Amino acid sequence: MGVFSKFQRFREAGQQANVNNVARYGEPARSLFTSTKVFTLHHRITITDDNENVVYTAQTKFPSLHDRTDVYDASGNHVAHIWKKFFSLHERHFVKMDDGIEFQLSNELWHIVKDITNIVGLDWQIRGNIIGLNFELCDNDGSIIAVIGQKMLSLHDKYCIDIYRPECEPYVVAILVALQHMMRDRQNSSSASFSSSSD
């Protein structure tokens, strides 16, 4: 394991599951890995399995004030539609699954080290460590659904997700895509704030 293994849960496809995840939750039922295509007009996320087979893709319409994004499986079937509220203090993103289920991600503000994002409509919650770039997706009983790790200093904005409830996979994938958009928006906002303060 790398030097960040105690704090940073990201791993590449083909590597063993993070020791901390295994110790706390056991071996994941399935692991997925994302990579974002950069320098294109369309924001595109590719999601692969442990054998680097593409299992989902997400494509964002451009230009789009509401960050409208569609998720498809490997056969081209539509899985979910994601969009954001343009003005929101709570970094709110909405998801409509193709089975008709709707929910929203709403970030709780004012947490110093831990981020908390409520999945309203599913009664789930993402608890995040913004220092280690690790996130845990739990149900309303606190039972683990998935663990997400983001790669530090990556041009392709890479994430790894260990899924412990495979029946929830389409929802987990949609949440992962929405989370990536929320993190990207936050990074862009921080960069813009830094640029204006430097002028």
Protein backbone atom coordinates (compact mmCIF):
# COMPACT_ATOMS: atom_id res chain seq x y z
CA MET A 1 0.00 0.00 0.00
CA GLY A 2 1.13 3.59 -0.60
CA VAL A 3 2.14 6.11 2.00
CA PHE A 4 -1.41 7.51 2.12
CA SER A 5 -3.11 4.12 2.71
CA LYS A 6 -4.13 4.97 6.28
CA PHE A 7 -5.78 8.19 5.20
CA GLN A 8 -6.40 7.97 1.46
CA ARG A 9 -8.62 5.13 0.26
CA PHE A 10 -8.13 5.57 -3.50
CA ARG A 11 -6.67 2.64 -5.46
CA GLU A 12 -6.29 1.77 -9.12
CA ALA A 13 -8.11 -1.07 -10.89
CA GLY A 14 -6.44 -4.41 -10.28
CA GLN A 15 -5.00 -3.42 -6.90
CA GLN A 16 -6.20 -4.99 -3.66
CA ALA A 17 -9.00 -3.32 -1.71
CA ASN A 18 -7.83 -0.75 0.82
CA VAL A 19 -6.76 -2.38 4.11
CA ASN A 20 -8.87 0.04 6.16
CA ASN A 21 -12.02 -0.70 4.16
CA VAL A 22 -11.49 -4.46 4.47
CA ALA A 23 -10.78 -4.23 8.20
CA ARG A 24 -13.94 -2.21 8.86
CA TYR A 25 -16.41 -3.56 6.30
CA GLY A 26 -14.94 -6.72 4.73
CA GLU A 27 -14.20 -7.30 1.05
CA PRO A 28 -16.40 -5.17 -1.25
CA ALA A 29 -18.95 -6.96 -3.45
CA ARG A 30 -17.74 -4.89 -6.44
CA SER A 31 -15.38 -2.00 -7.12
CA LEU A 32 -15.70 0.67 -9.80
CA PHE A 33 -13.25 3.31 -11.00
CA THR A 34 -13.89 6.65 -12.68
CA SER A 35 -11.86 8.86 -14.95
CA THR A 36 -12.99 12.23 -16.28
CA LYS A 37 -12.09 13.32 -19.79
CA VAL A 38 -10.49 16.76 -19.59
CA PHE A 39 -10.08 19.52 -22.17
CA THR A 40 -13.28 18.63 -24.04
CA LEU A 41 -16.45 20.65 -24.64
CA HIS A 42 -18.48 17.87 -23.01
CA HIS A 43 -17.73 16.83 -19.44
CA ARG A 44 -17.54 13.03 -19.71
CA ILE A 45 -16.97 10.49 -16.92
CA THR A 46 -16.05 6.89 -17.75
CA ILE A 47 -16.71 4.26 -15.06
CA THR A 48 -14.90 0.92 -15.33
CA ASP A 49 -14.74 -2.31 -13.33
CA ASP A 50 -11.69 -4.08 -11.85
CA ASN A 51 -10.85 -5.47 -15.32
CA GLU A 52 -11.03 -1.97 -16.84
CA ASN A 53 -14.21 -2.78 -18.78
CA VAL A 54 -16.47 0.25 -19.26
CA VAL A 55 -19.68 -0.35 -17.29
CA TYR A 56 -21.15 3.20 -17.16
CA THR A 57 -20.60 6.57 -18.79
CA ALA A 58 -21.86 10.02 -17.78
CA GLN A 59 -22.11 12.93 -20.19
CA THR A 60 -22.87 16.55 -19.34
CA LYS A 61 -24.59 18.82 -21.84
CA PHE A 62 -22.59 21.94 -22.71
CA PRO A 63 -23.26 24.75 -22.16
CA SER A 64 -25.62 24.09 -19.25
CA LEU A 65 -26.29 26.40 -16.30
CA HIS A 66 -27.93 23.51 -14.49
CA ASP A 67 -25.10 21.01 -15.17
CA ARG A 68 -27.50 18.54 -16.80
CA THR A 69 -25.88 15.10 -16.92
CA ASP A 70 -27.08 11.70 -18.16
CA VAL A 71 -25.73 8.34 -16.99
CA TYR A 72 -25.80 5.27 -19.28
CA ASP A 73 -24.82 1.64 -18.74
CA ALA A 74 -22.48 -0.32 -21.04
CA SER A 75 -25.38 -1.33 -23.31
CA GLY A 76 -26.40 2.31 -23.82
CA ASN A 77 -29.45 2.11 -21.56
CA HIS A 78 -30.29 5.32 -19.74
CA VAL A 79 -29.77 4.98 -15.97
CA ALA A 80 -30.21 8.44 -14.46
CA HIS A 81 -30.57 12.16 -15.15
CA ILE A 82 -28.75 14.58 -12.83
CA TRP A 83 -28.99 18.34 -12.56
CA LYS A 84 -28.21 21.06 -10.03
CA LYS A 85 -30.05 24.00 -8.56
CA PHE A 86 -28.32 27.04 -10.03
CA PHE A 87 -28.45 29.18 -6.87
CA SER A 88 -28.26 27.12 -3.68
CA LEU A 89 -26.42 27.57 -0.41
CA HIS A 90 -26.49 23.81 0.08
CA GLU A 91 -24.77 22.72 -3.18
CA ARG A 92 -27.94 20.87 -4.15
CA HIS A 93 -28.02 18.30 -6.97
CA PHE A 94 -31.14 16.41 -8.12
CA VAL A 95 -31.29 12.86 -9.49
CA LYS A 96 -34.08 11.09 -11.35
CA MET A 97 -33.48 7.37 -11.89
CA ASP A 98 -34.98 5.54 -14.84
CA ASP A 99 -37.07 3.42 -12.46
CA GLY A 100 -38.87 6.63 -11.43
CA ILE A 101 -37.14 7.11 -8.05
CA GLU A 102 -36.10 10.73 -7.40
CA PHE A 103 -33.75 12.08 -4.75
CA GLN A 104 -31.42 14.99 -4.10
CA LEU A 105 -27.97 15.54 -2.64
CA SER A 106 -27.89 18.45 -0.21
CA ASN A 107 -24.63 19.40 1.45
CA GLU A 108 -24.70 20.49 5.10
CA LEU A 109 -22.62 23.63 5.56
CA TRP A 110 -20.23 24.72 8.30
CA HIS A 111 -18.51 21.38 8.93
CA ILE A 112 -14.79 22.00 9.38
CA VAL A 113 -13.20 18.60 8.65
CA LYS A 114 -16.11 16.31 7.84
CA ASP A 115 -18.47 17.00 4.97
CA ILE A 116 -22.02 15.69 5.38
CA THR A 117 -24.26 15.34 2.34
CA ASN A 118 -27.85 14.18 2.88
CA ILE A 119 -29.48 12.04 0.18
CA VAL A 120 -33.02 13.35 0.57
CA GLY A 121 -35.56 10.86 -0.79
CA LEU A 122 -33.44 7.78 -0.02
CA ASP A 123 -32.66 8.72 3.59
CA TRP A 124 -28.96 7.99 2.96
CA GLN A 125 -25.98 10.12 3.86
CA ILE A 126 -22.46 10.75 2.54
CA ARG A 127 -19.92 11.43 5.27
CA GLY A 128 -16.76 12.86 3.83
CA ASN A 129 -13.23 13.52 4.94
CA ILE A 130 -12.15 16.51 2.85
CA ILE A 131 -8.52 16.15 3.98
CA GLY A 132 -8.10 12.51 2.96
CA LEU A 133 -10.64 12.81 0.12
CA ASN A 134 -12.54 9.78 1.43
CA PHE A 135 -16.32 9.44 1.57
CA GLU A 136 -18.63 6.84 3.11
CA LEU A 137 -22.17 6.30 1.82
CA CYS A 138 -24.47 4.98 4.59
CA ASP A 139 -28.16 4.17 4.93
CA ASN A 140 -30.47 5.57 7.62
CA ASP A 141 -29.22 2.96 10.13
CA GLY A 142 -25.60 3.93 9.54
CA SER A 143 -24.87 0.68 7.66
CA ILE A 144 -22.28 1.03 4.92
CA ILE A 145 -23.41 1.01 1.28
CA ALA A 146 -20.16 2.11 -0.39
CA VAL A 147 -16.79 3.75 0.30
CA ILE A 148 -15.45 6.34 -2.14
CA GLY A 149 -11.83 7.49 -2.48
CA GLN A 150 -10.65 10.36 -4.67
CA LYS A 151 -7.12 10.38 -6.10
CA MET A 152 -5.01 13.31 -4.98
CA LEU A 153 -3.43 15.53 -7.64
CA SER A 154 -4.97 13.84 -10.66
CA LEU A 155 -5.52 15.53 -14.03
CA HIS A 156 -8.28 13.06 -14.82
CA ASP A 157 -10.21 13.52 -11.54
CA LYS A 158 -10.12 9.82 -10.62
CA TYR A 159 -12.32 8.10 -8.05
CA CYS A 160 -12.52 4.54 -6.73
CA ILE A 161 -15.72 3.19 -5.17
CA ASP A 162 -16.05 -0.03 -3.19
CA ILE A 163 -19.69 -1.18 -3.22
CA TYR A 164 -20.98 -3.32 -0.34
CA ARG A 165 -24.64 -3.46 -1.39
CA PRO A 166 -24.61 -4.53 -5.07
CA GLU A 167 -28.41 -4.21 -5.36
CA CYS A 168 -27.93 -0.45 -4.88
CA GLU A 169 -25.35 -0.09 -7.66
CA PRO A 170 -27.29 2.16 -10.12
CA TYR A 171 -28.14 4.57 -7.27
CA VAL A 172 -24.56 4.50 -6.00
CA VAL A 173 -23.22 5.28 -9.50
CA ALA A 174 -25.62 8.23 -9.91
CA ILE A 175 -24.64 9.54 -6.46
CA LEU A 176 -20.95 9.15 -7.33
CA VAL A 177 -21.38 11.19 -10.53
CA ALA A 178 -23.32 13.90 -8.66
CA LEU A 179 -20.64 13.97 -5.94
CA GLN A 180 -17.91 14.42 -8.54
CA HIS A 181 -19.80 17.39 -9.96
CA MET A 182 -20.23 18.88 -6.48
CA MET A 183 -16.50 18.50 -5.73
CA ARG A 184 -15.57 20.01 -9.10
CA ASP A 185 -17.90 22.98 -8.50
CA ARG A 186 -16.32 23.52 -5.10
CA GLN A 187 -12.79 23.42 -6.57
CA ASN A 188 -13.80 25.89 -9.30
CA SER A 189 -15.36 28.18 -6.70
CA SER A 190 -12.23 28.03 -4.52
CA SER A 191 -10.03 28.79 -7.52
CA ALA A 192 -12.21 31.76 -8.51
CA SER A 193 -12.15 33.11 -4.94
CA PHE A 194 -8.36 32.75 -4.79
CA SER A 195 -7.94 34.53 -8.16
CA SER A 196 -10.15 37.47 -7.11
CA SER A 197 -8.35 37.82 -3.78
CA SER A 198 -4.98 37.82 -5.58
CA ASP A 199 -5.99 40.67 -7.96
